[in-house]
């Protein structure tokens, strides 16, 4: 199965190991979320918790709106997934330019209390925390208000995207 099969209503491109979507200046101008995706992936690589799949794309809402997304997936059985239920179901971190971050494992979904454009170390901690403690544990979590250093630039690009795409919710 490819990274985008089975995802009705979405158009995406797996960026894992691809040279088709380099995160250079031209890509940043056309796809500003890719810089954020690269920063998050670099942080996960730094702590040796690289996802099995990463994709970015545009989701098409039934009402006709468009939503930019980033999806990081650790497949079932991944060595870094310690909680048996998470290991069995896999782990997914999803980011939407409208809603921010979600953490999923199987049918269970949690909206963590983090900034919409959270600092990549915060996102990496979310992933590790969910893999070690589960996605709904009651233990202390780090301050999720920290924003990525490129958040202002990305927010401006996303605002321009929203205006062009006719998106009004945020």
N, C-alpha and C. Protein backbone atom coordinates (compact mmCIF):
# COMPACT_ATOMS: atom_id res chain seq x y z
N UNK A 1 0.85 -1.17 0.00
CA UNK A 1 0.00 0.00 0.00
C UNK A 1 0.89 1.23 0.00
N UNK A 2 0.58 2.21 -0.81
CA UNK A 2 1.35 3.44 -0.85
C UNK A 2 0.92 4.34 0.29
N UNK A 3 1.67 5.41 0.47
CA UNK A 3 1.41 6.33 1.57
C UNK A 3 0.05 7.01 1.46
N UNK A 4 -0.52 7.09 0.28
CA UNK A 4 -1.78 7.80 0.13
C UNK A 4 -2.96 6.91 -0.20
N UNK A 5 -2.76 5.62 -0.37
CA UNK A 5 -3.88 4.73 -0.65
C UNK A 5 -4.82 4.68 0.55
N UNK A 6 -6.07 4.58 0.29
CA UNK A 6 -7.06 4.42 1.35
C UNK A 6 -7.41 5.72 2.06
N UNK A 7 -6.95 6.85 1.58
CA UNK A 7 -7.25 8.12 2.22
C UNK A 7 -8.16 8.93 1.31
N UNK A 8 -9.43 8.62 1.37
CA UNK A 8 -10.41 9.31 0.51
C UNK A 8 -10.41 10.79 0.80
N UNK A 9 -10.51 11.56 -0.24
CA UNK A 9 -10.60 13.00 -0.07
C UNK A 9 -9.27 13.69 0.14
N UNK A 10 -8.15 12.98 -0.02
CA UNK A 10 -6.87 13.64 0.16
C UNK A 10 -6.01 13.45 -1.07
N UNK A 11 -5.16 14.40 -1.28
CA UNK A 11 -4.14 14.29 -2.31
C UNK A 11 -2.83 14.54 -1.61
N UNK A 12 -1.88 13.66 -1.75
CA UNK A 12 -0.64 13.83 -1.02
C UNK A 12 0.51 13.24 -1.76
N UNK A 13 1.67 13.47 -1.24
CA UNK A 13 2.89 12.94 -1.81
C UNK A 13 3.77 12.49 -0.67
N UNK A 14 4.14 11.22 -0.67
CA UNK A 14 5.08 10.75 0.33
C UNK A 14 6.42 11.40 0.05
N UNK A 15 7.01 12.01 1.06
CA UNK A 15 8.30 12.66 0.90
C UNK A 15 9.42 11.81 1.47
N UNK A 16 9.10 10.65 1.95
CA UNK A 16 10.11 9.80 2.56
C UNK A 16 11.10 9.33 1.51
N UNK A 17 12.36 9.72 1.64
CA UNK A 17 13.42 9.28 0.75
C UNK A 17 13.29 9.79 -0.67
N UNK A 18 12.50 10.81 -0.89
CA UNK A 18 12.24 11.29 -2.24
C UNK A 18 13.10 12.49 -2.57
N UNK A 19 13.57 12.54 -3.79
CA UNK A 19 14.26 13.73 -4.26
C UNK A 19 13.30 14.59 -5.09
N UNK A 20 12.05 14.16 -5.21
CA UNK A 20 11.08 14.89 -6.02
C UNK A 20 10.60 16.17 -5.35
N UNK A 21 10.62 16.22 -4.03
CA UNK A 21 10.18 17.40 -3.31
C UNK A 21 11.28 17.89 -2.38
N UNK A 22 12.38 18.40 -2.92
CA UNK A 22 13.45 18.87 -2.05
C UNK A 22 12.97 20.06 -1.23
N UNK A 23 13.48 20.18 -0.01
CA UNK A 23 13.08 21.29 0.84
C UNK A 23 14.11 22.40 0.65
N UNK A 24 14.10 23.01 -0.52
CA UNK A 24 14.97 24.13 -0.85
C UNK A 24 14.15 25.39 -0.96
N UNK A 25 14.78 26.47 -1.39
CA UNK A 25 14.09 27.75 -1.46
C UNK A 25 12.88 27.72 -2.39
N UNK A 26 12.99 27.04 -3.54
CA UNK A 26 11.86 26.98 -4.47
C UNK A 26 10.69 26.24 -3.84
N UNK A 27 10.98 25.15 -3.14
CA UNK A 27 9.93 24.38 -2.48
C UNK A 27 9.28 25.20 -1.37
N UNK A 28 10.09 25.95 -0.63
CA UNK A 28 9.54 26.74 0.47
C UNK A 28 8.57 27.79 -0.02
N UNK A 29 8.87 28.37 -1.16
CA UNK A 29 7.96 29.38 -1.70
C UNK A 29 6.65 28.74 -2.13
N UNK A 30 6.71 27.55 -2.71
CA UNK A 30 5.51 26.90 -3.22
C UNK A 30 4.80 26.07 -2.16
N UNK A 31 5.55 25.48 -1.24
CA UNK A 31 4.99 24.57 -0.24
C UNK A 31 5.61 24.87 1.12
N UNK A 32 5.20 25.97 1.76
CA UNK A 32 5.87 26.40 2.99
C UNK A 32 5.80 25.39 4.13
N UNK A 33 4.78 24.55 4.14
CA UNK A 33 4.69 23.57 5.23
C UNK A 33 5.82 22.56 5.17
N UNK A 34 6.45 22.38 4.00
CA UNK A 34 7.52 21.41 3.87
C UNK A 34 8.74 21.77 4.71
N UNK A 35 8.97 23.06 4.93
CA UNK A 35 10.07 23.48 5.81
C UNK A 35 9.78 23.03 7.24
N UNK A 36 8.54 23.20 7.67
CA UNK A 36 8.13 22.74 9.01
C UNK A 36 8.25 21.23 9.10
N UNK A 37 7.79 20.52 8.08
CA UNK A 37 7.89 19.06 8.06
C UNK A 37 9.34 18.62 8.16
N UNK A 38 10.23 19.30 7.44
CA UNK A 38 11.65 18.95 7.48
C UNK A 38 12.24 19.20 8.87
N UNK A 39 11.81 20.28 9.53
CA UNK A 39 12.31 20.58 10.88
C UNK A 39 11.84 19.52 11.88
N UNK A 40 10.58 19.10 11.77
CA UNK A 40 10.05 18.06 12.65
C UNK A 40 10.78 16.74 12.40
N UNK A 41 10.94 16.37 11.14
CA UNK A 41 11.63 15.13 10.81
C UNK A 41 13.08 15.16 11.29
N UNK A 42 13.76 16.29 11.14
CA UNK A 42 15.14 16.40 11.62
C UNK A 42 15.22 16.18 13.12
N UNK A 43 14.25 16.70 13.86
CA UNK A 43 14.23 16.51 15.32
C UNK A 43 14.00 15.04 15.67
N UNK A 44 13.09 14.39 14.95
CA UNK A 44 12.84 12.96 15.19
C UNK A 44 14.08 12.12 14.83
N UNK A 45 14.75 12.48 13.75
CA UNK A 45 15.99 11.79 13.38
C UNK A 45 17.05 11.97 14.46
N UNK A 46 17.11 13.19 15.00
CA UNK A 46 18.11 13.52 16.03
C UNK A 46 17.96 12.63 17.26
N UNK A 47 16.72 12.31 17.62
CA UNK A 47 16.50 11.46 18.79
C UNK A 47 16.32 9.99 18.41
N UNK A 48 16.61 9.68 17.15
CA UNK A 48 16.55 8.30 16.64
C UNK A 48 15.16 7.68 16.78
N UNK A 49 14.13 8.48 16.45
CA UNK A 49 12.75 7.98 16.45
C UNK A 49 12.09 8.38 15.13
N UNK A 50 12.73 7.96 14.06
CA UNK A 50 12.27 8.30 12.71
C UNK A 50 11.01 7.51 12.37
N UNK A 51 10.00 8.18 11.84
CA UNK A 51 8.78 7.46 11.45
C UNK A 51 9.03 6.57 10.24
N UNK A 52 8.17 5.56 10.08
CA UNK A 52 8.24 4.68 8.92
C UNK A 52 7.77 5.40 7.66
N UNK A 53 6.83 6.32 7.81
CA UNK A 53 6.27 7.07 6.69
C UNK A 53 6.08 8.52 7.08
N UNK A 54 6.23 9.36 6.08
CA UNK A 54 5.93 10.77 6.25
C UNK A 54 5.28 11.23 4.95
N UNK A 55 4.21 11.98 5.06
CA UNK A 55 3.61 12.53 3.85
C UNK A 55 3.07 13.92 4.14
N UNK A 56 3.09 14.72 3.11
CA UNK A 56 2.46 16.03 3.16
C UNK A 56 1.49 16.09 2.00
N UNK A 57 0.46 16.88 2.14
CA UNK A 57 -0.50 16.97 1.06
C UNK A 57 -1.60 17.95 1.36
N UNK A 58 -2.62 17.88 0.55
CA UNK A 58 -3.78 18.74 0.67
C UNK A 58 -5.02 17.87 0.79
N UNK A 59 -5.75 18.05 1.87
CA UNK A 59 -7.01 17.36 2.05
C UNK A 59 -8.13 18.21 1.49
N UNK A 60 -9.06 17.58 0.84
CA UNK A 60 -10.20 18.29 0.26
C UNK A 60 -11.43 18.00 1.10
N UNK A 61 -11.97 19.03 1.69
CA UNK A 61 -13.13 18.90 2.55
C UNK A 61 -14.40 18.72 1.71
N UNK A 62 -15.43 18.05 2.25
CA UNK A 62 -16.68 17.87 1.52
C UNK A 62 -17.32 19.20 1.09
N UNK A 63 -17.10 20.26 1.88
CA UNK A 63 -17.67 21.57 1.56
C UNK A 63 -16.86 22.29 0.48
N UNK A 64 -15.77 21.68 0.03
CA UNK A 64 -14.96 22.28 -1.02
C UNK A 64 -13.69 22.96 -0.54
N UNK A 65 -13.49 23.05 0.78
CA UNK A 65 -12.29 23.68 1.31
C UNK A 65 -11.07 22.78 1.16
N UNK A 66 -9.92 23.38 1.37
CA UNK A 66 -8.66 22.64 1.31
C UNK A 66 -7.91 22.81 2.62
N UNK A 67 -7.27 21.74 3.05
CA UNK A 67 -6.53 21.75 4.30
C UNK A 67 -5.16 21.13 4.06
N UNK A 68 -4.10 21.85 4.37
CA UNK A 68 -2.75 21.31 4.23
C UNK A 68 -2.47 20.39 5.41
N UNK A 69 -1.77 19.28 5.15
CA UNK A 69 -1.50 18.35 6.25
C UNK A 69 -0.09 17.80 6.17
N UNK A 70 0.33 17.28 7.31
CA UNK A 70 1.57 16.54 7.49
C UNK A 70 1.20 15.32 8.31
N UNK A 71 1.64 14.15 7.89
CA UNK A 71 1.33 12.92 8.62
C UNK A 71 2.63 12.13 8.82
N UNK A 72 2.88 11.76 10.07
CA UNK A 72 4.03 10.94 10.44
C UNK A 72 3.50 9.63 10.99
N UNK A 73 3.97 8.50 10.46
CA UNK A 73 3.44 7.20 10.88
C UNK A 73 4.55 6.25 11.31
N UNK A 74 4.34 5.64 12.47
CA UNK A 74 5.14 4.52 12.93
C UNK A 74 4.21 3.31 12.81
N UNK A 75 4.56 2.40 11.95
CA UNK A 75 3.68 1.27 11.63
C UNK A 75 3.59 0.28 12.79
N UNK A 76 2.51 -0.52 12.84
CA UNK A 76 2.40 -1.54 13.89
C UNK A 76 3.66 -2.40 13.92
N UNK A 77 4.10 -2.68 15.15
CA UNK A 77 5.29 -3.50 15.34
C UNK A 77 6.59 -2.73 15.34
N UNK A 78 6.55 -1.41 15.13
CA UNK A 78 7.77 -0.60 15.13
C UNK A 78 8.51 -0.81 16.45
N UNK A 79 9.82 -0.98 16.37
CA UNK A 79 10.64 -1.26 17.56
C UNK A 79 10.54 -0.19 18.64
N UNK A 80 10.27 1.05 18.28
CA UNK A 80 10.22 2.13 19.25
C UNK A 80 8.88 2.27 19.97
N UNK A 81 7.89 1.48 19.60
CA UNK A 81 6.57 1.56 20.22
C UNK A 81 6.52 0.59 21.39
N UNK A 82 6.60 1.13 22.61
CA UNK A 82 6.72 0.29 23.81
C UNK A 82 5.38 -0.17 24.38
N UNK A 83 4.36 0.68 24.33
CA UNK A 83 3.06 0.33 24.88
C UNK A 83 2.43 -0.73 23.98
N UNK A 84 2.04 -1.88 24.55
CA UNK A 84 1.51 -2.97 23.70
C UNK A 84 0.37 -2.55 22.77
N UNK A 85 -0.57 -1.75 23.25
CA UNK A 85 -1.69 -1.34 22.40
C UNK A 85 -1.20 -0.45 21.25
N UNK A 86 -0.27 0.44 21.54
CA UNK A 86 0.27 1.32 20.50
C UNK A 86 1.12 0.51 19.53
N UNK A 87 1.90 -0.43 20.06
CA UNK A 87 2.73 -1.29 19.20
C UNK A 87 1.84 -2.10 18.25
N UNK A 88 0.70 -2.56 18.75
CA UNK A 88 -0.21 -3.36 17.92
C UNK A 88 -0.91 -2.52 16.86
N UNK A 89 -1.26 -1.27 17.20
CA UNK A 89 -2.05 -0.42 16.29
C UNK A 89 -1.19 0.54 15.47
N UNK A 90 0.03 0.80 15.92
CA UNK A 90 0.86 1.81 15.27
C UNK A 90 0.56 3.18 15.87
N UNK A 91 1.33 4.16 15.45
CA UNK A 91 1.21 5.51 15.98
C UNK A 91 1.25 6.49 14.81
N UNK A 92 0.37 7.48 14.85
CA UNK A 92 0.33 8.50 13.82
C UNK A 92 0.23 9.87 14.48
N UNK A 93 1.10 10.78 14.05
CA UNK A 93 0.98 12.19 14.42
C UNK A 93 0.53 12.90 13.17
N UNK A 94 -0.54 13.67 13.29
CA UNK A 94 -1.10 14.40 12.15
C UNK A 94 -1.12 15.88 12.48
N UNK A 95 -0.72 16.68 11.50
CA UNK A 95 -0.78 18.13 11.63
C UNK A 95 -1.64 18.68 10.51
N UNK A 96 -2.51 19.60 10.85
CA UNK A 96 -3.35 20.31 9.90
C UNK A 96 -3.07 21.79 10.07
N UNK A 97 -2.99 22.52 8.98
CA UNK A 97 -2.73 23.95 9.12
C UNK A 97 -3.92 24.68 9.74
N UNK A 98 -5.05 24.03 9.82
CA UNK A 98 -6.23 24.63 10.43
C UNK A 98 -6.38 24.21 11.89
N UNK A 99 -6.23 22.91 12.17
CA UNK A 99 -6.50 22.38 13.50
C UNK A 99 -5.28 22.15 14.37
N UNK A 100 -4.10 22.06 13.78
CA UNK A 100 -2.91 21.76 14.58
C UNK A 100 -2.65 20.27 14.65
N UNK A 101 -2.17 19.80 15.79
CA UNK A 101 -1.70 18.41 15.94
C UNK A 101 -2.73 17.47 16.55
N UNK A 102 -2.75 16.23 16.05
CA UNK A 102 -3.51 15.12 16.61
C UNK A 102 -2.57 13.93 16.76
N UNK A 103 -2.84 13.10 17.77
CA UNK A 103 -2.09 11.86 17.95
C UNK A 103 -3.10 10.72 17.84
N UNK A 104 -2.78 9.72 17.02
CA UNK A 104 -3.68 8.58 16.80
C UNK A 104 -2.95 7.26 17.04
N UNK A 105 -3.70 6.31 17.55
CA UNK A 105 -3.26 4.92 17.59
C UNK A 105 -4.50 4.08 17.39
N UNK A 106 -4.58 3.44 16.24
CA UNK A 106 -5.80 2.71 15.89
C UNK A 106 -6.96 3.69 15.86
N UNK A 107 -8.10 3.32 16.47
CA UNK A 107 -9.26 4.21 16.44
C UNK A 107 -9.20 5.33 17.49
N UNK A 108 -8.23 5.27 18.40
CA UNK A 108 -8.12 6.25 19.47
C UNK A 108 -7.40 7.51 18.97
N UNK A 109 -7.99 8.68 19.26
CA UNK A 109 -7.44 9.96 18.82
C UNK A 109 -7.36 10.90 20.01
N UNK A 110 -6.28 11.66 20.08
CA UNK A 110 -6.11 12.63 21.15
C UNK A 110 -5.59 13.93 20.56
N UNK A 111 -6.16 15.04 20.99
CA UNK A 111 -5.69 16.36 20.57
C UNK A 111 -4.83 16.92 21.70
N UNK A 112 -3.51 16.84 21.58
CA UNK A 112 -2.64 17.31 22.66
C UNK A 112 -2.70 18.83 22.79
N UNK A 113 -2.40 19.30 23.97
CA UNK A 113 -2.41 20.74 24.23
C UNK A 113 -1.03 21.31 23.86
N UNK A 114 -0.87 21.56 22.56
CA UNK A 114 0.37 22.14 22.05
C UNK A 114 0.01 23.25 21.08
N UNK A 115 0.98 24.12 20.82
CA UNK A 115 0.79 25.19 19.85
C UNK A 115 0.47 24.59 18.49
N UNK A 116 -0.31 25.32 17.69
CA UNK A 116 -0.66 24.83 16.35
C UNK A 116 0.59 24.58 15.52
N UNK A 117 1.57 25.45 15.61
CA UNK A 117 2.85 25.24 14.93
C UNK A 117 3.88 25.04 16.05
N UNK A 118 3.76 23.89 16.70
CA UNK A 118 4.60 23.56 17.85
C UNK A 118 6.06 23.42 17.46
N UNK A 119 6.92 23.75 18.40
CA UNK A 119 8.36 23.59 18.22
C UNK A 119 8.65 22.11 17.94
N UNK A 120 9.50 21.80 16.97
CA UNK A 120 9.81 20.40 16.66
C UNK A 120 10.22 19.53 17.87
N UNK A 121 11.00 20.04 18.85
CA UNK A 121 11.26 19.20 20.02
C UNK A 121 9.99 18.83 20.79
N UNK A 122 9.00 19.72 20.80
CA UNK A 122 7.71 19.40 21.45
C UNK A 122 7.01 18.28 20.68
N UNK A 123 7.02 18.36 19.35
CA UNK A 123 6.39 17.32 18.53
C UNK A 123 7.11 15.99 18.73
N UNK A 124 8.43 16.02 18.76
CA UNK A 124 9.20 14.79 18.98
C UNK A 124 8.87 14.20 20.34
N UNK A 125 8.73 15.06 21.35
CA UNK A 125 8.37 14.56 22.68
C UNK A 125 6.98 13.95 22.66
N UNK A 126 6.05 14.55 21.92
CA UNK A 126 4.70 13.95 21.80
C UNK A 126 4.79 12.53 21.26
N UNK A 127 5.60 12.35 20.23
CA UNK A 127 5.73 11.03 19.60
C UNK A 127 6.33 10.03 20.58
N UNK A 128 7.43 10.41 21.22
CA UNK A 128 8.09 9.49 22.17
C UNK A 128 7.17 9.22 23.35
N UNK A 129 6.54 10.25 23.87
CA UNK A 129 5.65 10.09 25.02
C UNK A 129 4.51 9.12 24.69
N UNK A 130 3.89 9.29 23.52
CA UNK A 130 2.81 8.39 23.11
C UNK A 130 3.30 6.96 22.94
N UNK A 131 4.53 6.80 22.46
CA UNK A 131 5.06 5.45 22.24
C UNK A 131 5.40 4.75 23.55
N UNK A 132 5.76 5.53 24.57
CA UNK A 132 6.20 4.95 25.85
C UNK A 132 5.06 4.89 26.86
N UNK A 133 4.16 5.88 26.83
CA UNK A 133 3.11 5.97 27.85
C UNK A 133 1.70 5.78 27.30
N UNK A 134 1.53 5.76 25.99
CA UNK A 134 0.20 5.70 25.39
C UNK A 134 -0.27 7.10 25.07
N UNK A 135 -1.33 7.21 24.29
CA UNK A 135 -1.74 8.54 23.84
C UNK A 135 -2.67 9.25 24.83
N UNK A 136 -3.10 8.56 25.88
CA UNK A 136 -4.00 9.18 26.85
C UNK A 136 -3.54 9.04 28.29
N UNK A 137 -2.24 8.97 28.52
CA UNK A 137 -1.76 8.79 29.89
C UNK A 137 -1.96 10.07 30.69
N UNK A 138 -1.95 9.96 31.99
CA UNK A 138 -2.16 11.12 32.85
C UNK A 138 -0.88 11.72 33.39
N UNK A 139 0.27 11.27 32.94
CA UNK A 139 1.52 11.79 33.49
C UNK A 139 1.83 13.18 32.93
N UNK A 140 2.77 13.85 33.58
CA UNK A 140 3.14 15.21 33.18
C UNK A 140 3.69 15.24 31.77
N UNK A 141 3.34 16.29 31.07
CA UNK A 141 3.82 16.48 29.70
C UNK A 141 4.58 17.81 29.66
N UNK A 142 5.44 17.98 28.66
CA UNK A 142 6.18 19.25 28.59
C UNK A 142 5.27 20.41 28.22
N UNK A 143 5.77 21.61 28.44
CA UNK A 143 5.04 22.81 28.06
C UNK A 143 4.85 22.80 26.55
N UNK A 144 3.63 22.73 26.11
CA UNK A 144 3.34 22.64 24.68
C UNK A 144 3.12 23.99 24.01
N UNK A 145 3.38 25.08 24.74
CA UNK A 145 3.14 26.40 24.16
C UNK A 145 4.30 26.87 23.28
N UNK A 146 5.44 26.18 23.35
CA UNK A 146 6.60 26.59 22.56
C UNK A 146 6.28 26.46 21.07
N UNK A 147 6.54 27.55 20.35
CA UNK A 147 6.30 27.57 18.90
C UNK A 147 7.62 27.43 18.16
N UNK A 148 7.53 26.88 16.97
CA UNK A 148 8.68 26.73 16.10
C UNK A 148 9.25 28.10 15.75
N UNK A 149 10.55 28.20 15.60
CA UNK A 149 11.19 29.48 15.27
C UNK A 149 10.72 30.02 13.91
N UNK A 150 10.30 29.16 13.01
CA UNK A 150 9.80 29.59 11.71
C UNK A 150 8.29 29.76 11.67
N UNK A 151 7.65 29.76 12.85
CA UNK A 151 6.18 29.80 12.90
C UNK A 151 5.60 31.08 12.30
N UNK A 152 6.24 32.23 12.52
CA UNK A 152 5.69 33.47 11.98
C UNK A 152 5.72 33.46 10.46
N UNK A 153 6.82 32.99 9.89
CA UNK A 153 6.92 32.91 8.43
C UNK A 153 5.90 31.91 7.87
N UNK A 154 5.78 30.77 8.53
CA UNK A 154 4.81 29.77 8.08
C UNK A 154 3.39 30.28 8.23
N UNK A 155 3.09 30.95 9.34
CA UNK A 155 1.74 31.50 9.54
C UNK A 155 1.38 32.49 8.43
N UNK A 156 2.33 33.34 8.06
CA UNK A 156 2.07 34.30 6.98
C UNK A 156 1.80 33.57 5.67
N UNK A 157 2.58 32.54 5.38
CA UNK A 157 2.38 31.77 4.15
C UNK A 157 1.04 31.03 4.19
N UNK A 158 0.67 30.50 5.35
CA UNK A 158 -0.59 29.78 5.48
C UNK A 158 -1.77 30.74 5.37
N UNK A 159 -1.63 31.94 5.93
CA UNK A 159 -2.70 32.94 5.79
C UNK A 159 -2.92 33.28 4.32
N UNK A 160 -1.82 33.43 3.58
CA UNK A 160 -1.93 33.70 2.14
C UNK A 160 -2.58 32.53 1.42
N UNK A 161 -2.23 31.31 1.82
CA UNK A 161 -2.83 30.11 1.23
C UNK A 161 -4.33 30.10 1.52
N UNK A 162 -4.69 30.36 2.77
CA UNK A 162 -6.10 30.36 3.15
C UNK A 162 -6.89 31.39 2.35
N UNK A 163 -6.32 32.56 2.18
CA UNK A 163 -7.01 33.61 1.42
C UNK A 163 -7.20 33.17 -0.04
N UNK A 164 -6.18 32.59 -0.61
CA UNK A 164 -6.25 32.12 -2.00
C UNK A 164 -7.23 30.95 -2.13
N UNK A 165 -7.24 30.05 -1.12
CA UNK A 165 -8.08 28.86 -1.19
C UNK A 165 -9.51 29.12 -0.69
N UNK A 166 -9.73 30.28 -0.11
CA UNK A 166 -11.06 30.59 0.40
C UNK A 166 -11.37 29.93 1.74
N UNK A 167 -10.32 29.56 2.48
CA UNK A 167 -10.50 28.95 3.81
C UNK A 167 -10.75 30.08 4.80
N UNK A 168 -11.79 29.94 5.62
CA UNK A 168 -12.11 30.98 6.58
C UNK A 168 -11.96 30.53 8.02
N UNK A 169 -11.93 29.25 8.27
CA UNK A 169 -11.81 28.76 9.65
C UNK A 169 -10.36 28.65 10.06
N UNK A 170 -10.08 29.01 11.30
CA UNK A 170 -8.74 28.80 11.85
C UNK A 170 -8.82 28.97 13.32
